[in-house]
């Protein structure tokens, strides 16, 4: 894997540290996902994405760290692993066996799905805001309201607690909801399913 700047049209797999704290590094395909929203933010620290620097130290580490193929047991550097995996039939069989082991039969039972597309304002009677609209509404009309309220966005998520009241809802909104969870989360996939998807995509990504 070689490393690239924010030149997302190049299709390379170079590594890039974004601006600001320079704490997070991405390969180009992952960076493309982060740049999809109208207001791009880092998928890790949630700070605004800005031009950064090439992560030469990580590139060097990838080029000098040795690993072993789990399919054919051949030793190689990490930088060569992706191209090797794309052509190694034993490695692809190894991955497919793992995918089969974690794949579950789909659930046919009827489930009720929470509304994760529109949200009510927790301060007033206004309803049917999308996430960005709720943030703008609260900033415009409720920025000085100190009442502790339940975040309607978090409450609709699988991990959300509908009874938890945020001590500082406005700060919570601006820190946690500057991006849409839909960009990064598959609500219907459990951890094993997501791991299987990652493995399959890594095989297809040359």
N, C-alpha and C. Protein backbone atom coordinates (compact mmCIF):
# COMPACT_ATOMS: atom_id res chain seq x y z
N UNK A 1 0.86 -1.20 0.00
CA UNK A 1 0.00 0.00 0.00
C UNK A 1 0.88 1.23 0.00
N UNK A 2 0.75 2.06 -1.01
CA UNK A 2 1.48 3.32 -1.02
C UNK A 2 0.62 4.42 -0.44
N UNK A 3 1.32 5.48 -0.09
CA UNK A 3 0.51 6.48 0.52
C UNK A 3 0.22 7.70 -0.37
N UNK A 4 -1.10 8.69 -0.33
CA UNK A 4 -1.46 9.81 -1.27
C UNK A 4 -2.10 10.99 -0.60
N UNK A 5 -1.97 12.09 -1.21
CA UNK A 5 -2.59 13.29 -0.66
C UNK A 5 -4.09 13.25 -0.88
N UNK A 6 -4.79 14.38 -0.58
CA UNK A 6 -6.23 14.37 -0.75
C UNK A 6 -6.56 14.54 -2.23
N UNK A 7 -5.91 13.83 -3.06
CA UNK A 7 -6.24 13.84 -4.48
C UNK A 7 -7.14 12.63 -4.72
N UNK A 8 -8.44 12.79 -4.41
CA UNK A 8 -9.31 11.63 -4.36
C UNK A 8 -9.60 11.07 -5.75
N UNK A 9 -9.24 11.79 -6.77
CA UNK A 9 -9.46 11.27 -8.12
C UNK A 9 -8.38 10.32 -8.58
N UNK A 10 -7.28 10.23 -7.82
CA UNK A 10 -6.17 9.42 -8.29
C UNK A 10 -6.41 7.94 -8.11
N UNK A 11 -7.27 7.55 -7.14
CA UNK A 11 -7.56 6.14 -6.93
C UNK A 11 -6.43 5.41 -6.24
N UNK A 12 -5.45 6.12 -5.69
CA UNK A 12 -4.34 5.46 -5.04
C UNK A 12 -4.73 5.07 -3.62
N UNK A 13 -3.85 4.31 -2.97
CA UNK A 13 -4.11 3.88 -1.60
C UNK A 13 -3.09 4.49 -0.66
N UNK A 14 -2.61 5.65 -0.98
CA UNK A 14 -1.63 6.31 -0.12
C UNK A 14 -2.28 6.74 1.19
N UNK A 15 -1.43 7.08 2.16
CA UNK A 15 -1.93 7.48 3.47
C UNK A 15 -1.85 8.98 3.62
N UNK A 16 -2.87 9.56 4.26
CA UNK A 16 -2.98 11.01 4.40
C UNK A 16 -3.40 11.35 5.82
N UNK A 17 -2.68 12.26 6.46
CA UNK A 17 -3.12 12.82 7.74
C UNK A 17 -3.83 14.12 7.43
N UNK A 18 -5.06 14.26 7.97
CA UNK A 18 -5.79 15.49 7.67
C UNK A 18 -5.28 16.62 8.55
N UNK A 19 -5.67 17.85 8.20
CA UNK A 19 -5.20 19.02 8.91
C UNK A 19 -5.74 19.11 10.31
N UNK A 20 -5.42 20.19 11.00
CA UNK A 20 -5.86 20.37 12.39
C UNK A 20 -4.88 19.71 13.34
N UNK A 21 -5.34 18.67 14.03
CA UNK A 21 -4.48 18.01 15.01
C UNK A 21 -3.52 17.03 14.37
N UNK A 22 -3.75 16.66 13.13
CA UNK A 22 -2.94 15.66 12.43
C UNK A 22 -2.91 14.34 13.19
N UNK A 23 -4.01 14.02 13.86
CA UNK A 23 -4.03 12.82 14.70
C UNK A 23 -4.56 11.61 13.96
N UNK A 24 -5.20 11.78 12.80
CA UNK A 24 -5.88 10.68 12.13
C UNK A 24 -5.34 10.50 10.73
N UNK A 25 -5.17 9.24 10.34
CA UNK A 25 -4.63 8.93 9.01
C UNK A 25 -5.59 8.03 8.27
N UNK A 26 -5.71 8.24 6.95
CA UNK A 26 -6.64 7.47 6.13
C UNK A 26 -5.98 7.07 4.82
N UNK A 27 -6.40 5.92 4.27
CA UNK A 27 -6.07 5.63 2.89
C UNK A 27 -7.12 6.35 2.04
N UNK A 28 -6.85 6.50 0.76
CA UNK A 28 -7.72 7.30 -0.10
C UNK A 28 -9.18 6.81 -0.14
N UNK A 29 -9.45 5.48 -0.27
CA UNK A 29 -10.86 5.05 -0.31
C UNK A 29 -11.64 5.43 0.95
N UNK A 30 -11.00 5.33 2.13
CA UNK A 30 -11.69 5.71 3.37
C UNK A 30 -11.92 7.21 3.41
N UNK A 31 -10.94 7.96 2.93
CA UNK A 31 -11.07 9.41 2.91
C UNK A 31 -12.22 9.85 2.02
N UNK A 32 -12.44 9.14 0.93
CA UNK A 32 -13.53 9.46 0.02
C UNK A 32 -14.88 9.36 0.74
N UNK A 33 -15.03 8.35 1.61
CA UNK A 33 -16.27 8.20 2.36
C UNK A 33 -16.49 9.39 3.29
N UNK A 34 -15.42 9.84 3.93
CA UNK A 34 -15.53 10.97 4.86
C UNK A 34 -15.87 12.27 4.14
N UNK A 35 -15.51 12.37 2.86
CA UNK A 35 -15.72 13.61 2.11
C UNK A 35 -17.09 13.68 1.45
N UNK A 36 -17.93 12.64 1.59
CA UNK A 36 -19.23 12.63 0.94
C UNK A 36 -20.24 13.64 1.52
N UNK A 37 -20.31 13.83 2.85
CA UNK A 37 -21.30 14.78 3.38
C UNK A 37 -21.04 16.21 2.93
N UNK A 38 -22.05 17.07 3.04
CA UNK A 38 -21.91 18.47 2.65
C UNK A 38 -20.83 19.17 3.47
N UNK A 39 -20.77 18.82 4.76
CA UNK A 39 -19.76 19.40 5.64
C UNK A 39 -18.84 18.27 6.11
N UNK A 40 -17.80 17.96 5.36
CA UNK A 40 -16.96 16.80 5.67
C UNK A 40 -16.27 16.92 7.02
N UNK A 41 -16.31 15.83 7.79
CA UNK A 41 -15.60 15.78 9.06
C UNK A 41 -14.82 14.47 9.13
N UNK A 42 -13.82 14.44 9.99
CA UNK A 42 -13.02 13.25 10.18
C UNK A 42 -13.88 12.14 10.74
N UNK A 43 -13.77 10.93 10.19
CA UNK A 43 -14.56 9.80 10.66
C UNK A 43 -14.15 9.30 12.02
N UNK A 44 -13.03 9.79 12.56
CA UNK A 44 -12.55 9.35 13.87
C UNK A 44 -12.75 10.42 14.94
N UNK A 45 -12.17 11.63 14.71
CA UNK A 45 -12.21 12.67 15.75
C UNK A 45 -13.30 13.71 15.51
N UNK A 46 -14.00 13.63 14.36
CA UNK A 46 -15.12 14.52 14.02
C UNK A 46 -14.73 15.97 13.77
N UNK A 47 -13.44 16.29 13.70
CA UNK A 47 -13.05 17.66 13.38
C UNK A 47 -13.22 17.88 11.88
N UNK A 48 -13.29 19.15 11.47
CA UNK A 48 -13.50 19.48 10.07
C UNK A 48 -12.31 19.02 9.23
N UNK A 49 -12.59 18.38 8.10
CA UNK A 49 -11.51 17.91 7.23
C UNK A 49 -10.89 19.09 6.50
N UNK A 50 -9.59 19.13 6.50
CA UNK A 50 -8.85 20.16 5.77
C UNK A 50 -7.59 19.53 5.22
N UNK A 51 -6.94 20.18 4.23
CA UNK A 51 -5.74 19.58 3.64
C UNK A 51 -4.71 19.25 4.70
N UNK A 52 -4.12 18.10 4.60
CA UNK A 52 -3.16 17.64 5.59
C UNK A 52 -1.82 17.32 4.98
N UNK A 53 -1.16 16.32 5.51
CA UNK A 53 0.17 15.97 5.02
C UNK A 53 0.26 14.47 4.79
N UNK A 54 1.15 14.09 3.93
CA UNK A 54 1.37 12.68 3.63
C UNK A 54 2.01 11.98 4.84
N UNK A 55 1.43 10.84 5.22
CA UNK A 55 1.89 10.12 6.42
C UNK A 55 3.07 9.22 6.06
N UNK A 56 4.23 9.83 5.89
CA UNK A 56 5.41 9.10 5.43
C UNK A 56 5.88 8.07 6.45
N UNK A 57 5.70 8.39 7.74
CA UNK A 57 6.15 7.45 8.77
C UNK A 57 5.34 6.15 8.71
N UNK A 58 4.02 6.27 8.47
CA UNK A 58 3.19 5.08 8.36
C UNK A 58 3.50 4.30 7.08
N UNK A 59 3.74 5.02 6.00
CA UNK A 59 4.12 4.35 4.76
C UNK A 59 5.39 3.52 4.96
N UNK A 60 6.36 4.12 5.64
CA UNK A 60 7.62 3.42 5.90
C UNK A 60 7.39 2.18 6.75
N UNK A 61 6.52 2.33 7.76
CA UNK A 61 6.23 1.19 8.63
C UNK A 61 5.57 0.05 7.85
N UNK A 62 4.65 0.39 6.96
CA UNK A 62 3.98 -0.63 6.15
C UNK A 62 4.97 -1.32 5.20
N UNK A 63 5.92 -0.53 4.67
CA UNK A 63 6.89 -1.09 3.73
C UNK A 63 7.95 -1.95 4.40
N UNK A 64 8.12 -1.82 5.73
CA UNK A 64 9.19 -2.56 6.42
C UNK A 64 8.67 -3.59 7.41
N UNK A 65 7.34 -3.69 7.57
CA UNK A 65 6.77 -4.66 8.51
C UNK A 65 6.41 -5.94 7.76
N UNK A 66 6.92 -7.06 8.26
CA UNK A 66 6.70 -8.34 7.58
C UNK A 66 5.48 -9.06 8.15
N UNK A 67 4.75 -9.74 7.31
CA UNK A 67 3.58 -10.50 7.73
C UNK A 67 3.55 -11.82 6.96
N UNK A 68 2.60 -12.68 7.30
CA UNK A 68 2.47 -13.98 6.64
C UNK A 68 1.06 -14.14 6.10
N UNK A 69 0.94 -14.59 4.88
CA UNK A 69 -0.37 -14.85 4.27
C UNK A 69 -1.04 -16.00 5.02
N UNK A 70 -2.27 -15.82 5.45
CA UNK A 70 -3.00 -16.86 6.18
C UNK A 70 -3.46 -17.99 5.27
N UNK A 71 -3.31 -17.80 3.95
CA UNK A 71 -3.71 -18.85 3.03
C UNK A 71 -2.56 -19.78 2.65
N UNK A 72 -1.48 -19.17 2.11
CA UNK A 72 -0.36 -19.98 1.62
C UNK A 72 0.86 -19.94 2.52
N UNK A 73 0.80 -19.12 3.59
CA UNK A 73 1.90 -18.99 4.57
C UNK A 73 3.16 -18.34 4.00
N UNK A 74 3.04 -17.69 2.87
CA UNK A 74 4.18 -16.98 2.30
C UNK A 74 4.44 -15.70 3.08
N UNK A 75 5.71 -15.40 3.35
CA UNK A 75 6.07 -14.18 4.06
C UNK A 75 6.26 -13.04 3.07
N UNK A 76 5.84 -11.83 3.48
CA UNK A 76 5.98 -10.65 2.63
C UNK A 76 5.79 -9.41 3.49
N UNK A 77 6.10 -8.25 2.91
CA UNK A 77 5.86 -7.00 3.60
C UNK A 77 4.38 -6.61 3.47
N UNK A 78 3.90 -5.86 4.46
CA UNK A 78 2.49 -5.44 4.45
C UNK A 78 2.14 -4.69 3.17
N UNK A 79 3.09 -3.95 2.63
CA UNK A 79 2.81 -3.17 1.42
C UNK A 79 2.48 -4.05 0.22
N UNK A 80 2.88 -5.33 0.26
CA UNK A 80 2.62 -6.25 -0.84
C UNK A 80 1.39 -7.14 -0.59
N UNK A 81 0.82 -7.05 0.61
CA UNK A 81 -0.22 -8.00 1.00
C UNK A 81 -1.49 -7.86 0.18
N UNK A 82 -1.89 -6.64 -0.13
CA UNK A 82 -3.15 -6.45 -0.86
C UNK A 82 -3.09 -7.06 -2.26
N UNK A 83 -2.02 -6.80 -2.98
CA UNK A 83 -1.91 -7.35 -4.32
C UNK A 83 -1.77 -8.87 -4.26
N UNK A 84 -1.07 -9.37 -3.24
CA UNK A 84 -0.93 -10.82 -3.10
C UNK A 84 -2.29 -11.47 -2.82
N UNK A 85 -3.06 -10.86 -1.92
CA UNK A 85 -4.36 -11.42 -1.54
C UNK A 85 -5.31 -11.50 -2.73
N UNK A 86 -5.17 -10.54 -3.66
CA UNK A 86 -6.07 -10.52 -4.82
C UNK A 86 -5.80 -11.69 -5.77
N UNK A 87 -4.60 -12.27 -5.69
CA UNK A 87 -4.26 -13.34 -6.63
C UNK A 87 -4.03 -14.69 -5.95
N UNK A 88 -4.04 -14.72 -4.62
CA UNK A 88 -3.77 -15.97 -3.89
C UNK A 88 -5.07 -16.74 -3.67
N UNK A 89 -5.26 -17.84 -4.35
CA UNK A 89 -6.50 -18.61 -4.23
C UNK A 89 -6.66 -19.21 -2.84
N UNK A 90 -5.55 -19.58 -2.21
CA UNK A 90 -5.63 -20.16 -0.86
C UNK A 90 -6.09 -19.11 0.16
N UNK A 91 -5.64 -17.87 -0.04
CA UNK A 91 -6.07 -16.80 0.87
C UNK A 91 -7.55 -16.50 0.66
N UNK A 92 -7.99 -16.49 -0.58
CA UNK A 92 -9.40 -16.22 -0.86
C UNK A 92 -10.29 -17.34 -0.31
N UNK A 93 -9.82 -18.59 -0.36
CA UNK A 93 -10.56 -19.70 0.25
C UNK A 93 -10.62 -19.53 1.76
N UNK A 94 -9.51 -19.08 2.34
CA UNK A 94 -9.45 -18.84 3.79
C UNK A 94 -10.49 -17.79 4.21
N UNK A 95 -10.58 -16.72 3.43
CA UNK A 95 -11.55 -15.66 3.74
C UNK A 95 -12.98 -16.16 3.58
N UNK A 96 -13.24 -16.90 2.50
CA UNK A 96 -14.59 -17.40 2.25
C UNK A 96 -15.05 -18.35 3.36
N UNK A 97 -14.13 -19.16 3.88
CA UNK A 97 -14.48 -20.05 4.98
C UNK A 97 -14.86 -19.24 6.22
N UNK A 98 -14.13 -18.16 6.45
CA UNK A 98 -14.46 -17.29 7.58
C UNK A 98 -15.80 -16.60 7.41
N UNK A 99 -16.09 -16.16 6.17
CA UNK A 99 -17.37 -15.51 5.89
C UNK A 99 -18.52 -16.49 6.12
N UNK A 100 -18.35 -17.72 5.65
CA UNK A 100 -19.40 -18.73 5.83
C UNK A 100 -19.65 -19.01 7.31
N UNK A 101 -18.58 -18.96 8.10
CA UNK A 101 -18.69 -19.28 9.52
C UNK A 101 -19.50 -18.24 10.29
N UNK A 102 -19.46 -16.97 9.83
CA UNK A 102 -20.15 -15.91 10.57
C UNK A 102 -21.45 -15.48 9.92
N UNK A 103 -21.72 -15.95 8.71
CA UNK A 103 -22.96 -15.56 8.03
C UNK A 103 -24.15 -16.25 8.66
N UNK A 104 -25.16 -15.46 8.98
CA UNK A 104 -26.37 -16.00 9.61
C UNK A 104 -27.53 -15.95 8.62
N UNK A 105 -28.51 -16.81 8.87
CA UNK A 105 -29.73 -16.77 8.08
C UNK A 105 -30.47 -15.47 8.35
N UNK A 106 -31.03 -14.81 7.34
CA UNK A 106 -31.76 -13.57 7.59
C UNK A 106 -32.98 -13.80 8.46
N UNK A 107 -33.27 -12.82 9.28
CA UNK A 107 -34.45 -12.91 10.15
C UNK A 107 -35.71 -12.60 9.35
N UNK A 108 -36.70 -13.48 9.49
CA UNK A 108 -37.94 -13.28 8.74
C UNK A 108 -39.05 -12.70 9.62
N UNK A 109 -38.77 -12.58 10.90
CA UNK A 109 -39.79 -12.04 11.80
C UNK A 109 -40.00 -10.56 11.54
N UNK A 110 -41.21 -10.12 11.73
CA UNK A 110 -41.53 -8.71 11.52
C UNK A 110 -40.96 -7.88 12.66
N UNK A 111 -40.23 -6.82 12.31
CA UNK A 111 -39.66 -5.95 13.32
C UNK A 111 -40.14 -4.52 13.08
N UNK A 112 -40.24 -3.77 14.16
CA UNK A 112 -40.60 -2.36 14.03
C UNK A 112 -39.30 -1.55 13.98
N UNK A 113 -39.19 -0.69 12.98
CA UNK A 113 -37.97 0.08 12.79
C UNK A 113 -38.21 1.53 13.24
N UNK A 114 -37.33 2.05 14.09
CA UNK A 114 -37.48 3.44 14.54
C UNK A 114 -37.22 4.42 13.39
N UNK A 115 -37.82 5.59 13.49
CA UNK A 115 -37.61 6.63 12.49
C UNK A 115 -36.26 7.28 12.76
N UNK A 116 -35.32 7.12 11.83
CA UNK A 116 -34.00 7.73 11.98
C UNK A 116 -33.76 8.80 10.93
N UNK A 117 -34.83 9.31 10.33
CA UNK A 117 -34.69 10.28 9.25
C UNK A 117 -35.20 11.66 9.64
N UNK A 118 -36.24 11.72 10.47
CA UNK A 118 -36.76 13.01 10.93
C UNK A 118 -36.87 12.99 12.45
N UNK A 119 -36.69 14.18 13.05
CA UNK A 119 -36.62 14.26 14.50
C UNK A 119 -37.40 15.47 15.03
N UNK A 120 -37.99 15.35 16.22
CA UNK A 120 -38.67 16.49 16.83
C UNK A 120 -37.66 17.33 17.61
N UNK A 121 -37.96 18.59 17.78
CA UNK A 121 -37.13 19.44 18.64
C UNK A 121 -37.44 19.08 20.09
N UNK A 122 -36.43 18.82 20.91
CA UNK A 122 -36.69 18.45 22.31
C UNK A 122 -37.09 19.65 23.18
N UNK A 123 -36.98 20.87 22.62
CA UNK A 123 -37.31 22.06 23.39
C UNK A 123 -38.73 22.58 23.12
N UNK A 124 -39.19 22.44 21.88
CA UNK A 124 -40.48 23.01 21.52
C UNK A 124 -41.31 21.99 20.74
N UNK A 125 -42.41 22.40 20.17
CA UNK A 125 -43.34 21.47 19.52
C UNK A 125 -43.03 21.24 18.05
N UNK A 126 -41.96 21.86 17.54
CA UNK A 126 -41.62 21.69 16.12
C UNK A 126 -41.17 20.25 15.85
N UNK A 127 -41.56 19.71 14.69
CA UNK A 127 -41.24 18.32 14.35
C UNK A 127 -40.70 18.21 12.93
N UNK A 128 -40.35 16.98 12.57
CA UNK A 128 -39.98 16.61 11.20
C UNK A 128 -38.74 17.34 10.68
N UNK A 129 -37.74 17.52 11.55
CA UNK A 129 -36.45 18.05 11.10
C UNK A 129 -35.56 16.89 10.66
N UNK A 130 -34.81 17.09 9.57
CA UNK A 130 -33.73 16.15 9.34
C UNK A 130 -32.61 16.53 10.30
N UNK A 131 -31.54 15.76 10.31
CA UNK A 131 -30.51 15.99 11.33
C UNK A 131 -29.91 17.39 11.23
N UNK A 132 -29.54 17.77 10.00
CA UNK A 132 -28.94 19.08 9.81
C UNK A 132 -29.93 20.20 10.16
N UNK A 133 -31.21 19.98 9.82
CA UNK A 133 -32.23 20.98 10.14
C UNK A 133 -32.44 21.14 11.63
N UNK A 134 -32.37 20.02 12.37
CA UNK A 134 -32.53 20.10 13.83
C UNK A 134 -31.37 20.87 14.46
N UNK A 135 -30.16 20.62 13.97
CA UNK A 135 -28.99 21.34 14.50
C UNK A 135 -29.15 22.84 14.26
N UNK A 136 -29.52 23.22 13.04
CA UNK A 136 -29.66 24.65 12.70
C UNK A 136 -30.81 25.29 13.50
N UNK A 137 -31.93 24.56 13.65
CA UNK A 137 -33.07 25.08 14.41
C UNK A 137 -32.68 25.36 15.86
N UNK A 138 -32.02 24.41 16.48
CA UNK A 138 -31.65 24.57 17.89
C UNK A 138 -30.61 25.67 18.07
N UNK A 139 -29.68 25.79 17.11
CA UNK A 139 -28.68 26.86 17.20
C UNK A 139 -29.34 28.23 17.08
N UNK A 140 -30.37 28.31 16.23
CA UNK A 140 -31.02 29.60 15.98
C UNK A 140 -31.98 30.01 17.10
N UNK A 141 -32.72 29.03 17.67
CA UNK A 141 -33.80 29.39 18.60
C UNK A 141 -33.58 28.93 20.04
N UNK A 142 -32.69 27.99 20.26
CA UNK A 142 -32.57 27.44 21.62
C UNK A 142 -31.15 27.43 22.16
N UNK A 143 -30.28 28.25 21.60
CA UNK A 143 -28.87 28.21 22.01
C UNK A 143 -28.65 28.59 23.46
N UNK A 144 -29.60 29.35 24.04
CA UNK A 144 -29.45 29.80 25.43
C UNK A 144 -30.31 28.99 26.40
N UNK A 145 -30.99 27.96 25.91
CA UNK A 145 -31.88 27.16 26.76
C UNK A 145 -31.04 26.14 27.53
N UNK A 146 -31.08 26.22 28.86
CA UNK A 146 -30.25 25.35 29.71
C UNK A 146 -30.97 24.08 30.16
N UNK A 147 -32.21 23.90 29.69
CA UNK A 147 -32.97 22.72 30.12
C UNK A 147 -32.31 21.44 29.65
N UNK A 148 -32.25 20.43 30.52
CA UNK A 148 -31.69 19.14 30.15
C UNK A 148 -32.74 18.35 29.36
N UNK A 149 -32.36 17.89 28.17
CA UNK A 149 -33.31 17.21 27.29
C UNK A 149 -32.69 15.93 26.73
N UNK A 150 -33.56 15.06 26.24
CA UNK A 150 -33.11 13.83 25.58
C UNK A 150 -32.79 14.14 24.12
N UNK A 151 -31.65 13.68 23.65
CA UNK A 151 -31.30 13.90 22.25
C UNK A 151 -32.14 12.95 21.38
N UNK A 152 -33.01 13.48 20.51
CA UNK A 152 -33.87 12.61 19.69
C UNK A 152 -33.09 11.80 18.66
N UNK A 153 -31.93 12.30 18.24
CA UNK A 153 -31.12 11.56 17.26
C UNK A 153 -30.51 10.34 17.93
N UNK A 154 -29.86 10.54 19.07
CA UNK A 154 -29.24 9.43 19.79
C UNK A 154 -30.29 8.41 20.24
N UNK A 155 -31.45 8.91 20.68
CA UNK A 155 -32.49 8.01 21.19
C UNK A 155 -33.00 7.06 20.12
N UNK A 156 -32.88 7.44 18.85
CA UNK A 156 -33.38 6.59 17.76
C UNK A 156 -32.35 5.54 17.33
N UNK A 157 -31.13 5.64 17.84
CA UNK A 157 -30.07 4.72 17.43
C UNK A 157 -30.11 3.43 18.24
N UNK A 158 -29.58 2.32 17.69
CA UNK A 158 -29.61 1.05 18.41
C UNK A 158 -28.93 1.12 19.76
N UNK A 159 -27.91 1.97 19.88
CA UNK A 159 -27.17 2.09 21.13
C UNK A 159 -27.70 3.23 22.03
N UNK A 160 -28.72 3.93 21.57
CA UNK A 160 -29.20 5.10 22.30
C UNK A 160 -30.03 4.77 23.53
N UNK A 161 -30.01 5.66 24.51
CA UNK A 161 -30.82 5.54 25.72
C UNK A 161 -31.90 6.61 25.68
N UNK A 162 -33.17 6.24 25.46
CA UNK A 162 -34.24 7.24 25.33
C UNK A 162 -34.55 7.98 26.63
N UNK A 163 -33.93 7.56 27.72
CA UNK A 163 -34.17 8.23 29.00
C UNK A 163 -33.01 9.11 29.44
N UNK A 164 -31.91 9.10 28.68
CA UNK A 164 -30.75 9.89 29.09
C UNK A 164 -30.92 11.35 28.68
N UNK A 165 -30.78 12.24 29.65
CA UNK A 165 -30.91 13.68 29.40
C UNK A 165 -29.52 14.31 29.34
N UNK A 166 -29.26 15.00 28.27
CA UNK A 166 -27.96 15.63 28.08
C UNK A 166 -27.86 16.89 28.94
N UNK A 167 -26.74 17.01 29.68
CA UNK A 167 -26.55 18.18 30.54
C UNK A 167 -26.31 19.44 29.72
N UNK A 168 -25.75 19.29 28.54
CA UNK A 168 -25.50 20.43 27.65
C UNK A 168 -25.83 19.99 26.24
N UNK A 169 -27.09 20.06 25.89
CA UNK A 169 -27.56 19.52 24.62
C UNK A 169 -26.94 20.25 23.42
N UNK A 170 -26.78 21.57 23.50
CA UNK A 170 -26.24 22.32 22.37
C UNK A 170 -24.80 21.91 22.08
N UNK A 171 -24.01 21.73 23.12
CA UNK A 171 -22.63 21.28 22.91
C UNK A 171 -22.62 19.86 22.34
N UNK A 172 -23.53 19.01 22.85
CA UNK A 172 -23.66 17.64 22.35
C UNK A 172 -24.00 17.64 20.86
N UNK A 173 -24.95 18.47 20.46
CA UNK A 173 -25.34 18.55 19.05
C UNK A 173 -24.16 18.90 18.16
N UNK A 174 -23.39 19.89 18.58
CA UNK A 174 -22.32 20.39 17.74
C UNK A 174 -21.11 19.47 17.73
N UNK A 175 -20.95 18.67 18.78
CA UNK A 175 -19.83 17.74 18.83
C UNK A 175 -20.15 16.41 18.15
N UNK A 176 -21.35 15.88 18.41
CA UNK A 176 -21.67 14.52 18.00
C UNK A 176 -22.48 14.43 16.71
N UNK A 177 -23.13 15.52 16.30
CA UNK A 177 -24.05 15.42 15.16
C UNK A 177 -23.70 16.41 14.05
N UNK A 178 -22.40 16.59 13.82
CA UNK A 178 -21.95 17.39 12.68
C UNK A 178 -21.88 16.54 11.42
N UNK A 179 -22.15 15.25 11.53
CA UNK A 179 -22.18 14.36 10.38
C UNK A 179 -23.37 13.43 10.54
N UNK A 180 -23.76 12.78 9.48
CA UNK A 180 -24.90 11.87 9.52
C UNK A 180 -24.42 10.45 9.77
N UNK A 181 -25.04 9.77 10.74
CA UNK A 181 -24.67 8.38 11.02
C UNK A 181 -24.91 7.50 9.80
N UNK A 182 -25.85 7.88 8.95
CA UNK A 182 -26.15 7.06 7.76
C UNK A 182 -24.93 6.87 6.87
N UNK A 183 -23.99 7.84 6.94
CA UNK A 183 -22.79 7.75 6.10
C UNK A 183 -21.88 6.62 6.54
N UNK A 184 -21.89 6.30 7.83
CA UNK A 184 -20.91 5.37 8.38
C UNK A 184 -21.50 4.10 8.97
N UNK A 185 -22.82 4.04 9.19
CA UNK A 185 -23.40 2.95 9.97
C UNK A 185 -24.40 2.15 9.16
N UNK A 186 -24.30 0.83 9.22
CA UNK A 186 -25.33 -0.07 8.71
C UNK A 186 -26.10 -0.57 9.93
N UNK A 187 -27.31 -0.04 10.16
CA UNK A 187 -28.05 -0.33 11.38
C UNK A 187 -28.47 -1.79 11.50
N UNK A 188 -28.60 -2.47 10.37
CA UNK A 188 -29.11 -3.84 10.39
C UNK A 188 -28.01 -4.90 10.49
N UNK A 189 -26.75 -4.48 10.42
CA UNK A 189 -25.66 -5.45 10.45
C UNK A 189 -25.09 -5.56 11.86
N UNK A 190 -24.92 -6.81 12.34
CA UNK A 190 -24.25 -6.97 13.63
C UNK A 190 -22.75 -6.99 13.39
N UNK A 191 -21.97 -7.14 14.47
CA UNK A 191 -20.52 -7.02 14.36
C UNK A 191 -19.92 -8.07 13.42
N UNK A 192 -20.41 -9.31 13.50
CA UNK A 192 -19.90 -10.37 12.62
C UNK A 192 -20.20 -10.08 11.15
N UNK A 193 -21.43 -9.59 10.89
CA UNK A 193 -21.80 -9.26 9.51
C UNK A 193 -20.90 -8.15 8.95
N UNK A 194 -20.64 -7.13 9.78
CA UNK A 194 -19.81 -6.02 9.32
C UNK A 194 -18.38 -6.49 9.05
N UNK A 195 -17.86 -7.39 9.90
CA UNK A 195 -16.51 -7.91 9.66
C UNK A 195 -16.45 -8.69 8.35
N UNK A 196 -17.50 -9.47 8.08
CA UNK A 196 -17.54 -10.24 6.83
C UNK A 196 -17.56 -9.29 5.63
N UNK A 197 -18.32 -8.20 5.72
CA UNK A 197 -18.36 -7.23 4.63
C UNK A 197 -17.01 -6.59 4.40
N UNK A 198 -16.31 -6.24 5.49
CA UNK A 198 -14.99 -5.63 5.37
C UNK A 198 -14.02 -6.58 4.68
N UNK A 199 -14.06 -7.85 5.06
CA UNK A 199 -13.16 -8.83 4.45
C UNK A 199 -13.44 -8.98 2.96
N UNK A 200 -14.72 -9.04 2.59
CA UNK A 200 -15.07 -9.19 1.18
C UNK A 200 -14.64 -7.97 0.37
N UNK A 201 -14.83 -6.76 0.94
CA UNK A 201 -14.46 -5.55 0.21
C UNK A 201 -12.94 -5.46 0.07
N UNK A 202 -12.22 -5.93 1.08
CA UNK A 202 -10.76 -5.87 0.99
C UNK A 202 -10.23 -6.76 -0.12
N UNK A 203 -10.95 -7.87 -0.39
CA UNK A 203 -10.55 -8.75 -1.49
C UNK A 203 -10.80 -8.10 -2.84
N UNK A 204 -11.91 -7.35 -2.93
CA UNK A 204 -12.26 -6.72 -4.21
C UNK A 204 -11.43 -5.48 -4.50
N UNK A 205 -10.91 -4.83 -3.42
CA UNK A 205 -10.19 -3.57 -3.57
C UNK A 205 -8.74 -3.84 -3.90
N UNK A 206 -8.36 -3.66 -5.12
CA UNK A 206 -6.98 -3.94 -5.54
C UNK A 206 -6.15 -2.67 -5.55
